[in-house]
Each structure stands twice: as structure tokens, then as C-alpha cells.
Amino acid sequence: MKKTGLIVLLVLLVKFVNASVIYQDDFNGPRKELLNGAAPDVRPGSEVWATDNRNFDYSWKRNGSAYGNSPANSSAALPFTVETGKIYTLTADFTLENFNPSNPGWAGISFCTSGDQLEYAPDKNSFARLYAQRNGNVTAAQSGWHERASLFSGGDVKLSIVLKTTGEQWDLEYWLDGSLFASSAVSAIAESGSTLYIKFGLYRTVGKVSCKNLVLSVDGL
């Protein structure tokens, strides 16, 4: 049993070492400055965050926080170039605080075809999304499909979506706190070399959401 566990750990370590980080941000900026236009800590070029800035409270700040004092939607986006035959892993660590029990809202991540409509939740223009509620509910979804369960105690949560761009069909895995929650597949969304987007955000949230760290990495199949 110990040998099997060691082998699994070594495989995961090898994959992590071989993976290349496209974006990483630990959101250590000022809490009173908007995230819009800020550069992530790691980026491939001169990319900056694009966010919705209609309302200061529920617009994302440089410390990774947003607050909904009424049911609020808001997201932040970055572009990346997709290639066929790759594994893209999007991971974000969230803290969900002071949520209204009667309207807990959602925080989540997504892969999208467009970075537009940032005044909405990350589901807009998305082909894969993963959400968590303060009450412990988790939902993985894409057009025409979703899977929901109550899986964690609320508060801190790590969400990951793994996208495998294999030919005419792309495989997707949805992970919660390091455990596989659901899987699905979609027809190839874009040609190799096209621009897609990652997003994180909140949906109909009354309360505070903080994103502590976000990483997009790529690895070969």
C-alpha cells in the first residue's frame, strides 16, 4: 500500500515538474485598488487582467477579493493560446466568507471562448465551469450538462478544471480539493493557435469572496 502511494506521488510530482506555468497570481496587491489592468505575477507576455468595474464593491480588487452586498455577478479574465494535444489545468483557491445563508451565491472558474460580458458570472461564453457555494454545494457544468453535489464544509475550497485538447473531442475533468468530482467531454472548441480565455468570478453572491491563488499550467499529453 505504501509502495503504491509512493508511486502515485512520484507520478504527480513528475507531471508538476514537466508542466509549464502560463499564468500564476497570488493577488498580493492593495485591497482598495481594482484588479482591472493589473499584471498577474507570472504571464507569457504583456497580458493584464480584464474585469468588470461597474461597482467598486463587487468588482475584483488586487488582493483577489470582491464583495456582494446584494446578489452580484462579476468576473475577471485572461487570454491564452490553445494548442492541440495539450493538458491545460486551471486551479484557484477561494475563501467564501460572510455569505447570507438564504442566498449563498457561487464562486467559480471557467474556460471560455470570449473574455466579454465580465459583468456576468464566469458562465458567460464558457464551455466548462466549476462553482462552489458557501453551504458546500459544488456544480460542474457545460452546455446541456451539469453535475451537482454537496461535498465540502464551506469556507476554503480549491477548484480545478483539467482540459485535454485531444483531436475532435476535448476531455474535461473537474476537481475539488484534490479529488476528482466529475468528468465530461465536448467537441473541439477551437483550432490550434486560437485564443481562449480563463475566468474566475462570483454569481448572485451576497458576501465576500477571496481568490488566494490562481494558476493556469500546460503539459503535453
C-alpha atoms as a PDB file:
ATOM      1  CA  MET A   1       0.000   0.000   0.000  1.00  0.00           C
ATOM      2  CA  LYS A   2       2.828   2.383   0.924  1.00  0.00           C
ATOM      3  CA  LYS A   3       4.651   1.492  -2.291  1.00  0.00           C
ATOM      4  CA  THR A   4       1.549   2.208  -4.377  1.00  0.00           C
ATOM      5  CA  GLY A   5       1.080   5.556  -2.656  1.00  0.00           C
ATOM      6  CA  LEU A   6       4.711   6.476  -3.279  1.00  0.00           C
ATOM      7  CA  ILE A   7       4.382   5.632  -6.986  1.00  0.00           C
ATOM      8  CA  VAL A   8       1.260   7.821  -7.316  1.00  0.00           C
ATOM      9  CA  LEU A   9       3.060  10.679  -5.547  1.00  0.00           C
ATOM     10  CA  LEU A  10       6.092  10.374  -7.821  1.00  0.00           C
ATOM     11  CA  VAL A  11       3.885  10.406 -10.937  1.00  0.00           C
ATOM     12  CA  LEU A  12       2.152  13.573  -9.742  1.00  0.00           C
ATOM     13  CA  LEU A  13       5.481  15.223  -8.961  1.00  0.00           C
ATOM     14  CA  VAL A  14       6.857  14.385 -12.406  1.00  0.00           C
ATOM     15  CA  LYS A  15       3.755  15.837 -14.070  1.00  0.00           C
ATOM     16  CA  PHE A  16       4.023  19.000 -11.968  1.00  0.00           C
ATOM     17  CA  VAL A  17       7.699  19.460 -12.803  1.00  0.00           C
ATOM     18  CA  ASN A  18       7.070  18.931 -16.513  1.00  0.00           C
ATOM     19  CA  ALA A  19       4.099  21.297 -16.616  1.00  0.00           C
ATOM     20  CA  SER A  20       4.727  24.844 -17.771  1.00  0.00           C
ATOM     21  CA  VAL A  21       3.004  27.683 -15.921  1.00  0.00           C
ATOM     22  CA  ILE A  22       1.209  30.089 -18.252  1.00  0.00           C
ATOM     23  CA  TYR A  23      -0.318  32.264 -15.537  1.00  0.00           C
ATOM     24  CA  GLN A  24       0.050  32.497 -11.782  1.00  0.00           C
ATOM     25  CA  ASP A  25      -1.255  35.163  -9.430  1.00  0.00           C
ATOM     26  CA  ASP A  26      -1.372  35.184  -5.640  1.00  0.00           C
ATOM     27  CA  PHE A  27      -3.229  38.518  -5.553  1.00  0.00           C
ATOM     28  CA  ASN A  28      -0.963  40.285  -3.067  1.00  0.00           C
ATOM     29  CA  GLY A  29      -1.871  43.790  -4.234  1.00  0.00           C
ATOM     30  CA  PRO A  30      -3.750  46.547  -2.394  1.00  0.00           C
ATOM     31  CA  ARG A  31      -7.327  45.782  -1.329  1.00  0.00           C
ATOM     32  CA  LYS A  32      -8.522  49.234  -2.388  1.00  0.00           C
ATOM     33  CA  GLU A  33      -7.237  49.059  -5.970  1.00  0.00           C
ATOM     34  CA  LEU A  34      -9.141  47.364  -8.793  1.00  0.00           C
ATOM     35  CA  LEU A  35      -7.695  44.254 -10.414  1.00  0.00           C
ATOM     36  CA  ASN A  36      -8.546  45.535 -13.888  1.00  0.00           C
ATOM     37  CA  GLY A  37      -5.344  46.321 -15.805  1.00  0.00           C
ATOM     38  CA  ALA A  38      -3.056  44.632 -13.256  1.00  0.00           C
ATOM     39  CA  ALA A  39      -0.458  42.102 -14.399  1.00  0.00           C
ATOM     40  CA  PRO A  40      -0.520  38.592 -12.912  1.00  0.00           C
ATOM     41  CA  ASP A  41       2.671  37.503 -11.137  1.00  0.00           C
ATOM     42  CA  VAL A  42       3.544  35.114 -13.996  1.00  0.00           C
ATOM     43  CA  ARG A  43       2.415  35.722 -17.578  1.00  0.00           C
ATOM     44  CA  PRO A  44       3.648  34.759 -21.048  1.00  0.00           C
ATOM     45  CA  GLY A  45       3.773  38.317 -22.403  1.00  0.00           C
ATOM     46  CA  SER A  46       2.175  41.658 -21.538  1.00  0.00           C
ATOM     47  CA  GLU A  47      -1.273  40.308 -20.601  1.00  0.00           C
ATOM     48  CA  VAL A  48      -3.284  42.030 -17.847  1.00  0.00           C
ATOM     49  CA  TRP A  49      -6.484  41.183 -16.022  1.00  0.00           C
ATOM     50  CA  ALA A  50      -9.749  42.395 -17.546  1.00  0.00           C
ATOM     51  CA  THR A  51     -12.588  42.814 -15.050  1.00  0.00           C
ATOM     52  CA  ASP A  52     -15.995  44.400 -14.644  1.00  0.00           C
ATOM     53  CA  ASN A  53     -15.726  47.793 -12.929  1.00  0.00           C
ATOM     54  CA  ARG A  54     -19.352  48.902 -12.697  1.00  0.00           C
ATOM     55  CA  ASN A  55     -19.428  48.733  -8.904  1.00  0.00           C
ATOM     56  CA  PHE A  56     -16.373  49.021  -6.648  1.00  0.00           C
ATOM     57  CA  ASP A  57     -17.657  46.571  -4.006  1.00  0.00           C
ATOM     58  CA  TYR A  58     -18.233  43.565  -6.242  1.00  0.00           C
ATOM     59  CA  SER A  59     -15.517  44.365  -8.772  1.00  0.00           C
ATOM     60  CA  TRP A  60     -12.377  42.302  -8.169  1.00  0.00           C
ATOM     61  CA  LYS A  61      -9.551  44.002  -6.267  1.00  0.00           C
ATOM     62  CA  ARG A  62      -5.801  43.468  -6.493  1.00  0.00           C
ATOM     63  CA  ASN A  63      -5.890  41.450  -3.278  1.00  0.00           C
ATOM     64  CA  GLY A  64      -8.238  38.972  -5.001  1.00  0.00           C
ATOM     65  CA  SER A  65     -11.401  39.965  -3.146  1.00  0.00           C
ATOM     66  CA  ALA A  66     -14.890  41.019  -4.166  1.00  0.00           C
ATOM     67  CA  TYR A  67     -17.989  41.663  -2.078  1.00  0.00           C
ATOM     68  CA  GLY A  68     -21.658  41.429  -2.978  1.00  0.00           C
ATOM     69  CA  ASN A  69     -23.959  43.472  -0.738  1.00  0.00           C
ATOM     70  CA  SER A  70     -26.844  42.425  -2.983  1.00  0.00           C
ATOM     71  CA  PRO A  71     -26.904  39.434  -5.367  1.00  0.00           C
ATOM     72  CA  ALA A  72     -23.885  40.347  -7.502  1.00  0.00           C
ATOM     73  CA  ASN A  73     -22.217  38.915 -10.620  1.00  0.00           C
ATOM     74  CA  SER A  74     -18.650  39.753 -11.605  1.00  0.00           C
ATOM     75  CA  SER A  75     -15.690  38.029 -13.243  1.00  0.00           C
ATOM     76  CA  ALA A  76     -12.070  38.511 -14.281  1.00  0.00           C
ATOM     77  CA  ALA A  77     -10.460  37.141 -17.459  1.00  0.00           C
ATOM     78  CA  LEU A  78      -7.115  36.410 -19.104  1.00  0.00           C
ATOM     79  CA  PRO A  79      -6.457  35.123 -22.663  1.00  0.00           C
ATOM     80  CA  PHE A  80      -4.321  32.146 -23.627  1.00  0.00           C
ATOM     81  CA  THR A  81      -3.390  30.400 -26.869  1.00  0.00           C
ATOM     82  CA  VAL A  82      -4.732  26.861 -27.071  1.00  0.00           C
ATOM     83  CA  GLU A  83      -2.834  24.062 -28.820  1.00  0.00           C
ATOM     84  CA  THR A  84      -3.986  20.587 -29.797  1.00  0.00           C
ATOM     85  CA  GLY A  85      -2.527  17.676 -27.850  1.00  0.00           C
ATOM     86  CA  LYS A  86      -2.071  19.519 -24.550  1.00  0.00           C
ATOM     87  CA  ILE A  87      -3.350  19.325 -20.988  1.00  0.00           C
ATOM     88  CA  TYR A  88      -4.405  22.663 -19.501  1.00  0.00           C
ATOM     89  CA  THR A  89      -5.065  22.837 -15.767  1.00  0.00           C
ATOM     90  CA  LEU A  90      -6.819  25.835 -14.236  1.00  0.00           C
ATOM     91  CA  THR A  91      -6.761  25.941 -10.423  1.00  0.00           C
ATOM     92  CA  ALA A  92      -7.990  28.567  -7.968  1.00  0.00           C
ATOM     93  CA  ASP A  93      -8.063  28.699  -4.167  1.00  0.00           C
ATOM     94  CA  PHE A  94     -11.105  30.509  -2.807  1.00  0.00           C
ATOM     95  CA  THR A  95     -12.257  31.637   0.613  1.00  0.00           C
ATOM     96  CA  LEU A  96     -16.017  32.193   0.881  1.00  0.00           C
ATOM     97  CA  GLU A  97     -16.902  34.476   3.806  1.00  0.00           C
ATOM     98  CA  ASN A  98     -19.942  36.063   5.449  1.00  0.00           C
ATOM     99  CA  PHE A  99     -22.394  34.588   2.974  1.00  0.00           C
ATOM    100  CA  ASN A 100     -26.094  35.135   3.519  1.00  0.00           C
ATOM    101  CA  PRO A 101     -27.457  31.630   4.382  1.00  0.00           C
ATOM    102  CA  SER A 102     -30.660  32.279   2.451  1.00  0.00           C
ATOM    103  CA  ASN A 103     -28.767  33.410  -0.671  1.00  0.00           C
ATOM    104  CA  PRO A 104     -25.279  31.864  -0.554  1.00  0.00           C
ATOM    105  CA  GLY A 105     -24.334  32.543  -4.170  1.00  0.00           C
ATOM    106  CA  TRP A 106     -21.416  30.950  -6.002  1.00  0.00           C
ATOM    107  CA  ALA A 107     -17.711  31.429  -6.684  1.00  0.00           C
ATOM    108  CA  GLY A 108     -16.010  29.621  -9.528  1.00  0.00           C
ATOM    109  CA  ILE A 109     -13.691  29.231 -12.510  1.00  0.00           C
ATOM    110  CA  SER A 110     -14.230  28.565 -16.202  1.00  0.00           C
ATOM    111  CA  PHE A 111     -12.722  28.079 -19.646  1.00  0.00           C
ATOM    112  CA  CYS A 112     -14.376  30.453 -22.137  1.00  0.00           C
ATOM    113  CA  THR A 113     -14.483  31.295 -25.825  1.00  0.00           C
ATOM    114  CA  SER A 114     -14.602  35.032 -25.107  1.00  0.00           C
ATOM    115  CA  GLY A 115     -13.483  37.442 -22.421  1.00  0.00           C
ATOM    116  CA  ASP A 116     -16.545  39.636 -22.939  1.00  0.00           C
ATOM    117  CA  GLN A 117     -19.551  40.095 -20.621  1.00  0.00           C
ATOM    118  CA  LEU A 118     -17.436  40.457 -17.496  1.00  0.00           C
ATOM    119  CA  GLU A 119     -20.397  41.977 -15.654  1.00  0.00           C
ATOM    120  CA  TYR A 120     -21.800  38.445 -15.502  1.00  0.00           C
ATOM    121  CA  ALA A 121     -20.657  35.296 -13.753  1.00  0.00           C
ATOM    122  CA  PRO A 122     -17.895  33.154 -15.313  1.00  0.00           C
ATOM    123  CA  ASP A 123     -20.513  31.006 -17.056  1.00  0.00           C
ATOM    124  CA  LYS A 124     -20.972  33.563 -19.846  1.00  0.00           C
ATOM    125  CA  ASN A 125     -19.273  32.309 -23.036  1.00  0.00           C
ATOM    126  CA  SER A 126     -17.965  29.296 -21.084  1.00  0.00           C
ATOM    127  CA  PHE A 127     -17.627  25.719 -22.330  1.00  0.00           C
ATOM    128  CA  ALA A 128     -16.551  24.356 -18.926  1.00  0.00           C
ATOM    129  CA  ARG A 129     -17.186  25.776 -15.460  1.00  0.00           C
ATOM    130  CA  LEU A 130     -16.915  24.715 -11.827  1.00  0.00           C
ATOM    131  CA  TYR A 131     -18.671  26.521  -8.966  1.00  0.00           C
ATOM    132  CA  ALA A 132     -18.763  26.210  -5.172  1.00  0.00           C
ATOM    133  CA  GLN A 133     -21.301  27.575  -2.697  1.00  0.00           C
ATOM    134  CA  ARG A 134     -20.665  28.587   0.907  1.00  0.00           C
ATOM    135  CA  ASN A 135     -23.153  25.903   2.002  1.00  0.00           C
ATOM    136  CA  GLY A 136     -20.955  23.170   0.491  1.00  0.00           C
ATOM    137  CA  ASN A 137     -22.669  22.615  -2.853  1.00  0.00           C
ATOM    138  CA  VAL A 138     -20.438  22.155  -5.904  1.00  0.00           C
ATOM    139  CA  THR A 139     -21.530  22.233  -9.547  1.00  0.00           C
ATOM    140  CA  ALA A 140     -19.609  21.235 -12.678  1.00  0.00           C
ATOM    141  CA  ALA A 141     -21.321  22.315 -15.878  1.00  0.00           C
ATOM    142  CA  GLN A 142     -21.205  22.877 -19.605  1.00  0.00           C
ATOM    143  CA  SER A 143     -23.901  23.475 -22.213  1.00  0.00           C
ATOM    144  CA  GLY A 144     -26.569  20.781 -21.842  1.00  0.00           C
ATOM    145  CA  TRP A 145     -24.903  19.026 -18.885  1.00  0.00           C
ATOM    146  CA  HIS A 146     -24.237  19.567 -15.205  1.00  0.00           C
ATOM    147  CA  GLU A 147     -23.442  17.580 -12.084  1.00  0.00           C
ATOM    148  CA  ARG A 148     -24.049  18.850  -8.556  1.00  0.00           C
ATOM    149  CA  ALA A 149     -23.321  17.500  -5.080  1.00  0.00           C
ATOM    150  CA  SER A 150     -22.770  18.705  -1.528  1.00  0.00           C
ATOM    151  CA  LEU A 151     -19.124  17.886  -0.969  1.00  0.00           C
ATOM    152  CA  PHE A 152     -17.339  20.256   1.393  1.00  0.00           C
ATOM    153  CA  SER A 153     -17.949  22.118   4.626  1.00  0.00           C
ATOM    154  CA  GLY A 154     -17.764  25.617   3.153  1.00  0.00           C
ATOM    155  CA  GLY A 155     -15.174  28.334   3.692  1.00  0.00           C
ATOM    156  CA  ASP A 156     -11.906  27.424   1.938  1.00  0.00           C
ATOM    157  CA  VAL A 157     -12.019  25.426  -1.289  1.00  0.00           C
ATOM    158  CA  LYS A 158      -9.656  24.547  -4.142  1.00  0.00           C
ATOM    159  CA  LEU A 159     -11.289  24.240  -7.589  1.00  0.00           C
ATOM    160  CA  SER A 160      -9.566  22.791 -10.671  1.00  0.00           C
ATOM    161  CA  ILE A 161     -10.597  22.130 -14.255  1.00  0.00           C
ATOM    162  CA  VAL A 162      -8.373  19.928 -16.421  1.00  0.00           C
ATOM    163  CA  LEU A 163      -8.804  20.400 -20.186  1.00  0.00           C
ATOM    164  CA  LYS A 164      -7.314  17.807 -22.556  1.00  0.00           C
ATOM    165  CA  THR A 165      -7.304  19.066 -26.161  1.00  0.00           C
ATOM    166  CA  THR A 166      -7.295  15.702 -27.930  1.00  0.00           C
ATOM    167  CA  GLY A 167      -8.313  15.936 -31.590  1.00  0.00           C
ATOM    168  CA  GLU A 168     -12.010  16.281 -32.388  1.00  0.00           C
ATOM    169  CA  GLN A 169     -13.073  15.741 -28.779  1.00  0.00           C
ATOM    170  CA  TRP A 170     -11.775  17.567 -25.735  1.00  0.00           C
ATOM    171  CA  ASP A 171     -11.940  15.789 -22.386  1.00  0.00           C
ATOM    172  CA  LEU A 172     -12.645  17.657 -19.158  1.00  0.00           C
ATOM    173  CA  GLU A 173     -12.093  16.801 -15.508  1.00  0.00           C
ATOM    174  CA  TYR A 174     -13.453  18.750 -12.554  1.00  0.00           C
ATOM    175  CA  TRP A 175     -11.556  18.549  -9.259  1.00  0.00           C
ATOM    176  CA  LEU A 176     -12.489  19.664  -5.759  1.00  0.00           C
ATOM    177  CA  ASP A 177      -9.773  19.912  -3.092  1.00  0.00           C
ATOM    178  CA  GLY A 178      -7.545  17.484  -4.998  1.00  0.00           C
ATOM    179  CA  SER A 179     -10.246  14.845  -5.635  1.00  0.00           C
ATOM    180  CA  LEU A 180     -11.934  14.152  -8.972  1.00  0.00           C
ATOM    181  CA  PHE A 181     -15.567  15.298  -8.792  1.00  0.00           C
ATOM    182  CA  ALA A 182     -16.852  14.853 -12.353  1.00  0.00           C
ATOM    183  CA  SER A 183     -15.751  14.404 -15.964  1.00  0.00           C
ATOM    184  CA  SER A 184     -17.225  15.215 -19.355  1.00  0.00           C
ATOM    185  CA  ALA A 185     -16.297  15.880 -22.977  1.00  0.00           C
ATOM    186  CA  VAL A 186     -17.045  18.493 -25.629  1.00  0.00           C
ATOM    187  CA  SER A 187     -16.446  18.737 -29.356  1.00  0.00           C
ATOM    188  CA  ALA A 188     -13.218  20.628 -30.052  1.00  0.00           C
ATOM    189  CA  ILE A 189     -13.979  24.281 -29.312  1.00  0.00           C
ATOM    190  CA  ALA A 190     -11.260  25.946 -31.366  1.00  0.00           C
ATOM    191  CA  GLU A 191      -8.424  25.246 -33.768  1.00  0.00           C
ATOM    192  CA  SER A 192      -4.857  25.014 -32.564  1.00  0.00           C
ATOM    193  CA  GLY A 193      -3.397  28.512 -32.226  1.00  0.00           C
ATOM    194  CA  SER A 194      -6.731  30.135 -31.356  1.00  0.00           C
ATOM    195  CA  THR A 195      -7.287  32.402 -28.364  1.00  0.00           C
ATOM    196  CA  LEU A 196      -9.422  31.166 -25.487  1.00  0.00           C
ATOM    197  CA  TYR A 197      -9.917  32.643 -22.009  1.00  0.00           C
ATOM    198  CA  ILE A 198      -9.841  31.688 -18.369  1.00  0.00           C
ATOM    199  CA  LYS A 199     -12.150  33.371 -15.883  1.00  0.00           C
ATOM    200  CA  PHE A 200     -12.840  33.399 -12.198  1.00  0.00           C
ATOM    201  CA  GLY A 201     -15.726  35.168 -10.560  1.00  0.00           C
ATOM    202  CA  LEU A 202     -18.840  35.228  -8.426  1.00  0.00           C
ATOM    203  CA  TYR A 203     -22.512  34.686  -9.222  1.00  0.00           C
ATOM    204  CA  ARG A 204     -25.531  36.074  -7.350  1.00  0.00           C
ATOM    205  CA  THR A 205     -23.358  36.456  -4.278  1.00  0.00           C
ATOM    206  CA  VAL A 206     -24.259  38.188  -1.031  1.00  0.00           C
ATOM    207  CA  GLY A 207     -20.999  38.043   0.926  1.00  0.00           C
ATOM    208  CA  LYS A 208     -17.255  38.209   0.406  1.00  0.00           C
ATOM    209  CA  VAL A 209     -15.182  36.038  -1.943  1.00  0.00           C
ATOM    210  CA  SER A 210     -11.376  35.981  -1.928  1.00  0.00           C
ATOM    211  CA  CYS A 211      -9.231  34.264  -4.536  1.00  0.00           C
ATOM    212  CA  LYS A 212      -5.942  33.429  -2.773  1.00  0.00           C
ATOM    213  CA  ASN A 213      -4.100  31.945  -5.738  1.00  0.00           C
ATOM    214  CA  LEU A 214      -4.781  31.123  -9.383  1.00  0.00           C
ATOM    215  CA  VAL A 215      -2.656  29.037 -11.763  1.00  0.00           C
ATOM    216  CA  LEU A 216      -3.026  28.035 -15.416  1.00  0.00           C
ATOM    217  CA  SER A 217      -0.482  25.430 -16.483  1.00  0.00           C
ATOM    218  CA  VAL A 218       0.053  23.365 -19.630  1.00  0.00           C
ATOM    219  CA  ASP A 219       1.561  19.934 -20.154  1.00  0.00           C
ATOM    220  CA  GLY A 220       1.923  17.554 -23.096  1.00  0.00           C
ATOM    221  CA  LEU A 221      -0.337  14.522 -23.439  1.00  0.00           C
END
